Amino acid sequence: MKPGTHLSKETAAIVTARLEAGDDPREIARDTGCNQDTIYRRRRAMRGGDPYKQSPVTKPTPDPKPEPSEPNCIPSVRDKLMRGRA
């Protein structure tokens, strides 16, 4: 397919049928000569979403820091150095 052209009705029907059959969008794109982004947009539109809306980027939530079971009994290096100067 030439870049920037619309899908023909025949190609659109093939793409829709293969997406409904569960075929991989990359294989469909390779077989039809379409860009794979076109296939993914058509799949998103078939699922009821906005075909041009980007998926939100989710940030991983950090693991909560565990509460120490015992107080830290090891003096810090700074405390050791300060004791040596006094």
N, C-alpha and C. Protein backbone atom coordinates (compact mmCIF):
# COMPACT_ATOMS: atom_id res chain seq x y z
N MET A 1 0.83 -1.18 0.00
CA MET A 1 0.00 0.00 0.00
C MET A 1 0.87 1.24 0.00
N LYS A 2 0.45 2.23 -0.69
CA LYS A 2 1.17 3.49 -0.75
C LYS A 2 0.96 4.26 0.55
N PRO A 3 2.02 4.85 1.12
CA PRO A 3 1.87 5.59 2.38
C PRO A 3 0.88 6.74 2.24
N GLY A 4 0.07 6.92 3.28
CA GLY A 4 -0.88 8.03 3.30
C GLY A 4 -2.20 7.75 2.62
N THR A 5 -2.41 6.53 2.13
CA THR A 5 -3.68 6.21 1.48
C THR A 5 -4.62 5.54 2.46
N HIS A 6 -5.91 5.66 2.20
CA HIS A 6 -6.92 5.03 3.05
C HIS A 6 -7.03 3.56 2.70
N LEU A 7 -7.52 2.77 3.65
CA LEU A 7 -7.76 1.36 3.37
C LEU A 7 -8.92 1.24 2.39
N SER A 8 -8.77 0.35 1.44
CA SER A 8 -9.91 0.08 0.57
C SER A 8 -10.94 -0.72 1.35
N LYS A 9 -12.16 -0.79 0.86
CA LYS A 9 -13.21 -1.54 1.56
C LYS A 9 -12.84 -3.01 1.66
N GLU A 10 -12.21 -3.53 0.60
CA GLU A 10 -11.84 -4.94 0.60
C GLU A 10 -10.75 -5.21 1.66
N THR A 11 -9.74 -4.35 1.70
CA THR A 11 -8.66 -4.51 2.68
C THR A 11 -9.19 -4.33 4.09
N ALA A 12 -10.06 -3.36 4.29
CA ALA A 12 -10.64 -3.13 5.61
C ALA A 12 -11.45 -4.35 6.06
N ALA A 13 -12.17 -4.98 5.14
CA ALA A 13 -12.95 -6.17 5.48
C ALA A 13 -12.03 -7.33 5.86
N ILE A 14 -10.92 -7.47 5.14
CA ILE A 14 -9.95 -8.54 5.43
C ILE A 14 -9.33 -8.30 6.81
N VAL A 15 -8.93 -7.06 7.07
CA VAL A 15 -8.31 -6.72 8.35
C VAL A 15 -9.28 -6.99 9.49
N THR A 16 -10.53 -6.56 9.34
CA THR A 16 -11.53 -6.74 10.38
C THR A 16 -11.78 -8.22 10.64
N ALA A 17 -11.91 -9.00 9.58
CA ALA A 17 -12.17 -10.44 9.74
C ALA A 17 -11.00 -11.13 10.44
N ARG A 18 -9.80 -10.77 10.06
CA ARG A 18 -8.64 -11.42 10.68
C ARG A 18 -8.45 -10.98 12.13
N LEU A 19 -8.77 -9.72 12.45
CA LEU A 19 -8.70 -9.29 13.84
C LEU A 19 -9.73 -10.02 14.68
N GLU A 20 -10.94 -10.19 14.14
CA GLU A 20 -11.97 -10.93 14.86
C GLU A 20 -11.58 -12.39 15.05
N ALA A 21 -10.80 -12.93 14.11
CA ALA A 21 -10.35 -14.32 14.21
C ALA A 21 -9.19 -14.46 15.20
N GLY A 22 -8.63 -13.32 15.64
CA GLY A 22 -7.56 -13.35 16.62
C GLY A 22 -6.16 -13.39 16.04
N ASP A 23 -6.01 -13.06 14.77
CA ASP A 23 -4.68 -13.05 14.15
C ASP A 23 -3.84 -11.92 14.71
N ASP A 24 -2.54 -12.09 14.65
CA ASP A 24 -1.59 -11.10 15.14
C ASP A 24 -1.60 -9.87 14.22
N PRO A 25 -1.74 -8.66 14.78
CA PRO A 25 -1.76 -7.46 13.94
C PRO A 25 -0.52 -7.28 13.07
N ARG A 26 0.64 -7.73 13.56
CA ARG A 26 1.86 -7.59 12.75
C ARG A 26 1.80 -8.48 11.52
N GLU A 27 1.24 -9.68 11.68
CA GLU A 27 1.10 -10.58 10.52
C GLU A 27 0.10 -10.01 9.52
N ILE A 28 -0.99 -9.46 10.04
CA ILE A 28 -2.01 -8.86 9.16
C ILE A 28 -1.38 -7.72 8.37
N ALA A 29 -0.61 -6.88 9.06
CA ALA A 29 0.04 -5.75 8.38
C ALA A 29 0.99 -6.24 7.30
N ARG A 30 1.76 -7.26 7.63
CA ARG A 30 2.72 -7.78 6.65
C ARG A 30 2.00 -8.38 5.44
N ASP A 31 0.91 -9.11 5.67
CA ASP A 31 0.18 -9.77 4.58
C ASP A 31 -0.60 -8.79 3.71
N THR A 32 -1.12 -7.71 4.32
CA THR A 32 -1.94 -6.76 3.54
C THR A 32 -1.12 -5.61 2.99
N GLY A 33 0.08 -5.40 3.52
CA GLY A 33 0.91 -4.29 3.06
C GLY A 33 0.59 -2.98 3.76
N CYS A 34 -0.19 -3.04 4.84
CA CYS A 34 -0.53 -1.85 5.61
C CYS A 34 0.51 -1.64 6.71
N ASN A 35 0.54 -0.44 7.23
CA ASN A 35 1.38 -0.17 8.39
C ASN A 35 0.73 -0.83 9.60
N GLN A 36 1.53 -1.38 10.51
CA GLN A 36 0.94 -2.06 11.66
C GLN A 36 0.19 -1.11 12.58
N ASP A 37 0.56 0.16 12.59
CA ASP A 37 -0.18 1.13 13.40
C ASP A 37 -1.63 1.25 12.92
N THR A 38 -1.83 1.13 11.62
CA THR A 38 -3.18 1.16 11.06
C THR A 38 -4.00 -0.01 11.60
N ILE A 39 -3.38 -1.17 11.67
CA ILE A 39 -4.07 -2.37 12.15
C ILE A 39 -4.40 -2.21 13.63
N TYR A 40 -3.45 -1.71 14.41
CA TYR A 40 -3.69 -1.52 15.84
C TYR A 40 -4.80 -0.48 16.08
N ARG A 41 -4.83 0.60 15.27
CA ARG A 41 -5.89 1.59 15.41
C ARG A 41 -7.26 0.98 15.10
N ARG A 42 -7.30 0.16 14.06
CA ARG A 42 -8.57 -0.49 13.71
C ARG A 42 -9.01 -1.43 14.84
N ARG A 43 -8.07 -2.15 15.43
CA ARG A 43 -8.40 -3.05 16.54
C ARG A 43 -8.93 -2.26 17.74
N ARG A 44 -8.29 -1.12 18.05
CA ARG A 44 -8.73 -0.29 19.16
C ARG A 44 -10.14 0.25 18.89
N ALA A 45 -10.41 0.64 17.67
CA ALA A 45 -11.73 1.15 17.31
C ALA A 45 -12.78 0.04 17.41
N MET A 46 -12.41 -1.18 17.05
CA MET A 46 -13.34 -2.31 17.15
C MET A 46 -13.69 -2.61 18.60
N ARG A 47 -12.77 -2.34 19.50
CA ARG A 47 -13.00 -2.60 20.92
C ARG A 47 -13.76 -1.47 21.60
N GLY A 48 -14.10 -0.44 20.84
CA GLY A 48 -14.90 0.65 21.38
C GLY A 48 -14.10 1.83 21.89
N GLY A 49 -12.81 1.83 21.67
CA GLY A 49 -11.98 2.92 22.13
C GLY A 49 -11.75 3.96 21.06
N ASP A 50 -11.12 5.05 21.44
CA ASP A 50 -10.75 6.09 20.50
C ASP A 50 -9.51 5.61 19.74
N PRO A 51 -9.58 5.44 18.43
CA PRO A 51 -8.44 4.87 17.71
C PRO A 51 -7.19 5.72 17.72
N TYR A 52 -7.32 7.02 17.99
CA TYR A 52 -6.15 7.89 17.96
C TYR A 52 -5.66 8.30 19.34
N LYS A 53 -6.31 7.81 20.38
CA LYS A 53 -5.91 8.16 21.74
C LYS A 53 -4.76 7.26 22.16
N GLN A 54 -3.73 7.87 22.74
CA GLN A 54 -2.58 7.10 23.22
C GLN A 54 -2.91 6.46 24.54
N SER A 55 -2.35 5.30 24.79
CA SER A 55 -2.53 4.64 26.07
C SER A 55 -1.80 5.43 27.15
N PRO A 56 -2.39 5.52 28.33
CA PRO A 56 -1.70 6.25 29.40
C PRO A 56 -0.47 5.49 29.86
N VAL A 57 0.54 6.24 30.20
CA VAL A 57 1.77 5.64 30.70
C VAL A 57 1.61 5.49 32.21
N THR A 58 1.76 4.28 32.68
CA THR A 58 1.62 4.06 34.11
C THR A 58 2.99 3.95 34.74
N LYS A 59 3.12 4.58 35.88
CA LYS A 59 4.39 4.52 36.61
C LYS A 59 4.29 3.40 37.64
N PRO A 60 5.34 2.63 37.79
CA PRO A 60 5.29 1.58 38.79
C PRO A 60 5.25 2.18 40.19
N THR A 61 4.45 1.58 41.04
CA THR A 61 4.38 2.06 42.41
C THR A 61 5.52 1.45 43.20
N PRO A 62 6.23 2.25 43.98
CA PRO A 62 7.35 1.71 44.74
C PRO A 62 6.84 0.82 45.87
N ASP A 63 7.64 -0.17 46.21
CA ASP A 63 7.31 -1.05 47.33
C ASP A 63 7.40 -0.26 48.62
N PRO A 64 6.45 -0.46 49.52
CA PRO A 64 6.54 0.26 50.79
C PRO A 64 7.74 -0.24 51.59
N LYS A 65 8.39 0.68 52.27
CA LYS A 65 9.56 0.31 53.06
C LYS A 65 9.08 -0.38 54.33
N PRO A 66 9.68 -1.52 54.66
CA PRO A 66 9.24 -2.21 55.87
C PRO A 66 9.66 -1.45 57.12
N GLU A 67 8.84 -1.53 58.12
CA GLU A 67 9.15 -0.89 59.40
C GLU A 67 10.24 -1.72 60.09
N PRO A 68 11.24 -1.07 60.65
CA PRO A 68 12.27 -1.85 61.32
C PRO A 68 11.70 -2.51 62.58
N SER A 69 12.07 -3.77 62.78
CA SER A 69 11.55 -4.49 63.93
C SER A 69 12.31 -4.11 65.20
N GLU A 70 13.57 -3.75 65.06
CA GLU A 70 14.39 -3.34 66.20
C GLU A 70 15.00 -1.99 65.89
N PRO A 71 15.22 -1.18 66.90
CA PRO A 71 15.88 0.10 66.62
C PRO A 71 17.31 -0.14 66.17
N ASN A 72 17.80 0.74 65.35
CA ASN A 72 19.16 0.62 64.83
C ASN A 72 20.13 0.94 65.96
N CYS A 73 20.90 -0.06 66.38
CA CYS A 73 21.81 0.11 67.52
C CYS A 73 23.22 0.47 67.07
N ILE A 74 23.48 0.48 65.81
CA ILE A 74 24.83 0.78 65.33
C ILE A 74 24.98 2.29 65.22
N PRO A 75 25.95 2.88 65.94
CA PRO A 75 26.12 4.33 65.83
C PRO A 75 26.63 4.70 64.44
N SER A 76 26.25 5.85 64.00
CA SER A 76 26.66 6.29 62.67
C SER A 76 28.14 6.68 62.66
N VAL A 77 28.71 6.74 61.51
CA VAL A 77 30.12 7.10 61.34
C VAL A 77 30.34 8.52 61.85
N ARG A 78 29.40 9.39 61.63
CA ARG A 78 29.54 10.78 62.07
C ARG A 78 29.65 10.85 63.60
N ASP A 79 28.83 10.05 64.29
CA ASP A 79 28.89 10.05 65.75
C ASP A 79 30.26 9.58 66.23
N LYS A 80 30.82 8.57 65.56
CA LYS A 80 32.15 8.07 65.93
C LYS A 80 33.21 9.14 65.74
N LEU A 81 33.13 9.85 64.64
CA LEU A 81 34.10 10.88 64.36
C LEU A 81 33.98 12.04 65.35
N MET A 82 32.77 12.41 65.70
CA MET A 82 32.55 13.50 66.64
C MET A 82 33.06 13.15 68.04
N ARG A 83 32.92 11.88 68.44
CA ARG A 83 33.42 11.47 69.74
C ARG A 83 34.95 11.54 69.80
N GLY A 84 35.60 11.25 68.71
CA GLY A 84 37.07 11.28 68.67
C GLY A 84 37.61 12.68 68.78
N ARG A 85 36.88 13.71 68.39
CA ARG A 85 37.36 15.10 68.44
C ARG A 85 37.15 15.72 69.80
N ALA A 86 36.27 15.21 70.58
CA ALA A 86 35.95 15.86 71.86
C ALA A 86 36.97 15.61 72.93
